[in-house]
Amino acid sequence: MRVRQWVLVAALATVSIWMPGCHSYHVETTVENRTGRAIQLLEVDYPSASFGANSLAPGEVFHYRIQLRGNGPLKVQYTGSDGRQAQMDGPALAEPQEGWLEIVLLPGGKAEFHPKLSQ
């Protein structure tokens, strides 16, 4: 019985030491379509992954929570209602950052990026 108790205590101690070190870095992201027209094939690339939407109506806001792994630039692309593809470079993101990022798509294939990220 004592061996089982010792093994249980050792296992719990190992887990309790490991748990505080675990932390996922998340950024709450919104993409708002202020282009005045519907867009299609929205893709947002960030370090180690991407997300997107098939379409966004004018004025529509798309919410997505990203998990940062690694470092690198944010890139946005979509196809406008005229069939032209727009591509924009956003801020650089790094794994220890977390917080909020607002992406506002504007007419003429332009965008504003409003990051509120921890350093």
Protein backbone atom coordinates (compact mmCIF):
# COMPACT_ATOMS: atom_id res chain seq x y z
CA MET A 1 0.00 0.00 0.00
CA ARG A 2 2.84 2.43 0.77
CA VAL A 3 4.39 1.96 -2.68
CA ARG A 4 1.11 2.89 -4.38
CA GLN A 5 0.76 6.00 -2.21
CA TRP A 6 4.33 7.03 -2.99
CA VAL A 7 3.76 6.56 -6.74
CA LEU A 8 0.54 8.63 -6.56
CA VAL A 9 2.25 11.42 -4.63
CA ALA A 10 5.18 11.46 -7.08
CA ALA A 11 2.81 11.59 -10.06
CA LEU A 12 0.77 14.44 -8.56
CA ALA A 13 3.92 16.37 -7.71
CA THR A 14 5.21 16.00 -11.26
CA VAL A 15 1.92 17.21 -12.74
CA SER A 16 1.69 20.17 -10.33
CA ILE A 17 5.21 21.28 -11.26
CA TRP A 18 4.52 20.92 -15.00
CA MET A 19 1.12 22.66 -15.11
CA PRO A 20 2.16 26.23 -14.20
CA GLY A 21 4.70 26.17 -17.05
CA CYS A 22 2.01 25.51 -19.65
CA HIS A 23 0.66 28.60 -21.32
CA SER A 24 -0.84 29.05 -24.75
CA TYR A 25 -0.51 32.48 -26.26
CA HIS A 26 -3.80 33.60 -27.85
CA VAL A 27 -4.77 36.65 -29.84
CA GLU A 28 -8.45 37.50 -30.24
CA THR A 29 -8.71 38.63 -33.86
CA THR A 30 -11.44 40.42 -35.79
CA VAL A 31 -11.57 41.16 -39.49
CA GLU A 32 -14.02 43.89 -40.51
CA ASN A 33 -15.03 44.41 -44.14
CA ARG A 34 -15.24 48.18 -44.75
CA THR A 35 -14.50 47.89 -48.48
CA GLY A 36 -18.09 48.78 -49.35
CA ARG A 37 -18.51 45.52 -51.27
CA ALA A 38 -18.63 41.81 -50.56
CA ILE A 39 -15.31 39.99 -50.56
CA GLN A 40 -14.54 36.32 -51.10
CA LEU A 41 -11.79 33.87 -50.14
CA LEU A 42 -10.46 35.80 -47.16
CA GLU A 43 -7.22 34.30 -45.83
CA VAL A 44 -5.21 35.52 -42.85
CA ASP A 45 -1.75 33.93 -42.48
CA TYR A 46 0.13 34.19 -39.20
CA PRO A 47 3.12 32.31 -37.75
CA SER A 48 2.53 28.55 -38.13
CA ALA A 49 -1.12 28.68 -39.28
CA SER A 50 -3.89 30.52 -41.09
CA PHE A 51 -7.64 31.09 -40.97
CA GLY A 52 -10.23 32.53 -43.30
CA ALA A 53 -13.78 32.82 -44.52
CA ASN A 54 -15.47 32.02 -47.81
CA SER A 55 -17.06 35.46 -47.93
CA LEU A 56 -17.68 38.62 -45.93
CA ALA A 57 -20.54 40.99 -46.69
CA PRO A 58 -19.97 44.75 -46.52
CA GLY A 59 -19.78 45.77 -42.85
CA GLU A 60 -19.54 42.17 -41.64
CA VAL A 61 -17.11 41.33 -38.84
CA PHE A 62 -15.42 37.93 -38.59
CA HIS A 63 -14.03 36.81 -35.21
CA TYR A 64 -11.28 34.23 -34.76
CA ARG A 65 -8.98 33.28 -31.91
CA ILE A 66 -5.42 32.47 -32.98
CA GLN A 67 -2.76 30.65 -31.05
CA LEU A 68 0.73 31.96 -31.67
CA ARG A 69 3.52 29.43 -32.22
CA GLY A 70 6.74 31.00 -33.37
CA ASN A 71 7.45 34.40 -34.88
CA GLY A 72 6.64 36.01 -38.20
CA PRO A 73 4.55 38.46 -40.18
CA LEU A 74 0.78 38.55 -40.50
CA LYS A 75 -0.51 38.57 -44.09
CA VAL A 76 -4.03 39.11 -45.39
CA GLN A 77 -5.44 38.37 -48.80
CA TYR A 78 -8.90 38.24 -50.35
CA THR A 79 -10.68 38.44 -53.67
CA GLY A 80 -12.78 41.54 -54.27
CA SER A 81 -16.16 41.62 -55.99
CA ASP A 82 -14.36 42.72 -59.18
CA GLY A 83 -12.31 39.48 -59.16
CA ARG A 84 -9.04 41.18 -58.21
CA GLN A 85 -6.93 39.77 -55.43
CA ALA A 86 -5.77 42.11 -52.66
CA GLN A 87 -2.75 41.32 -50.47
CA MET A 88 -1.58 43.24 -47.42
CA ASP A 89 1.22 42.78 -44.91
CA GLY A 90 0.40 43.30 -41.26
CA PRO A 91 2.40 43.49 -38.08
CA ALA A 92 4.98 40.95 -37.00
CA LEU A 93 3.72 38.55 -34.33
CA ALA A 94 5.73 36.61 -31.75
CA GLU A 95 4.84 33.67 -29.51
CA PRO A 96 4.95 35.43 -26.14
CA GLN A 97 2.47 38.07 -27.35
CA GLU A 98 -1.22 37.84 -26.54
CA GLY A 99 -4.17 40.21 -26.62
CA TRP A 100 -6.34 41.60 -29.43
CA LEU A 101 -5.84 42.41 -33.09
CA GLU A 102 -8.34 44.26 -35.25
CA ILE A 103 -7.95 44.08 -39.04
CA VAL A 104 -10.03 46.60 -40.99
CA LEU A 105 -10.27 45.96 -44.74
CA LEU A 106 -10.61 49.24 -46.68
CA PRO A 107 -11.43 50.14 -50.30
CA GLY A 108 -8.64 49.91 -52.86
CA GLY A 109 -7.05 46.78 -51.41
CA LYS A 110 -5.85 48.58 -48.28
CA ALA A 111 -6.11 47.62 -44.63
CA GLU A 112 -5.58 49.03 -41.16
CA PHE A 113 -4.16 46.90 -38.38
CA HIS A 114 -4.93 47.79 -34.77
CA PRO A 115 -2.91 45.50 -32.47
CA LYS A 116 -3.26 45.58 -28.69
CA LEU A 117 -0.68 42.94 -27.85
CA SER A 118 1.50 42.26 -24.85
CA GLN A 119 5.22 42.49 -25.44
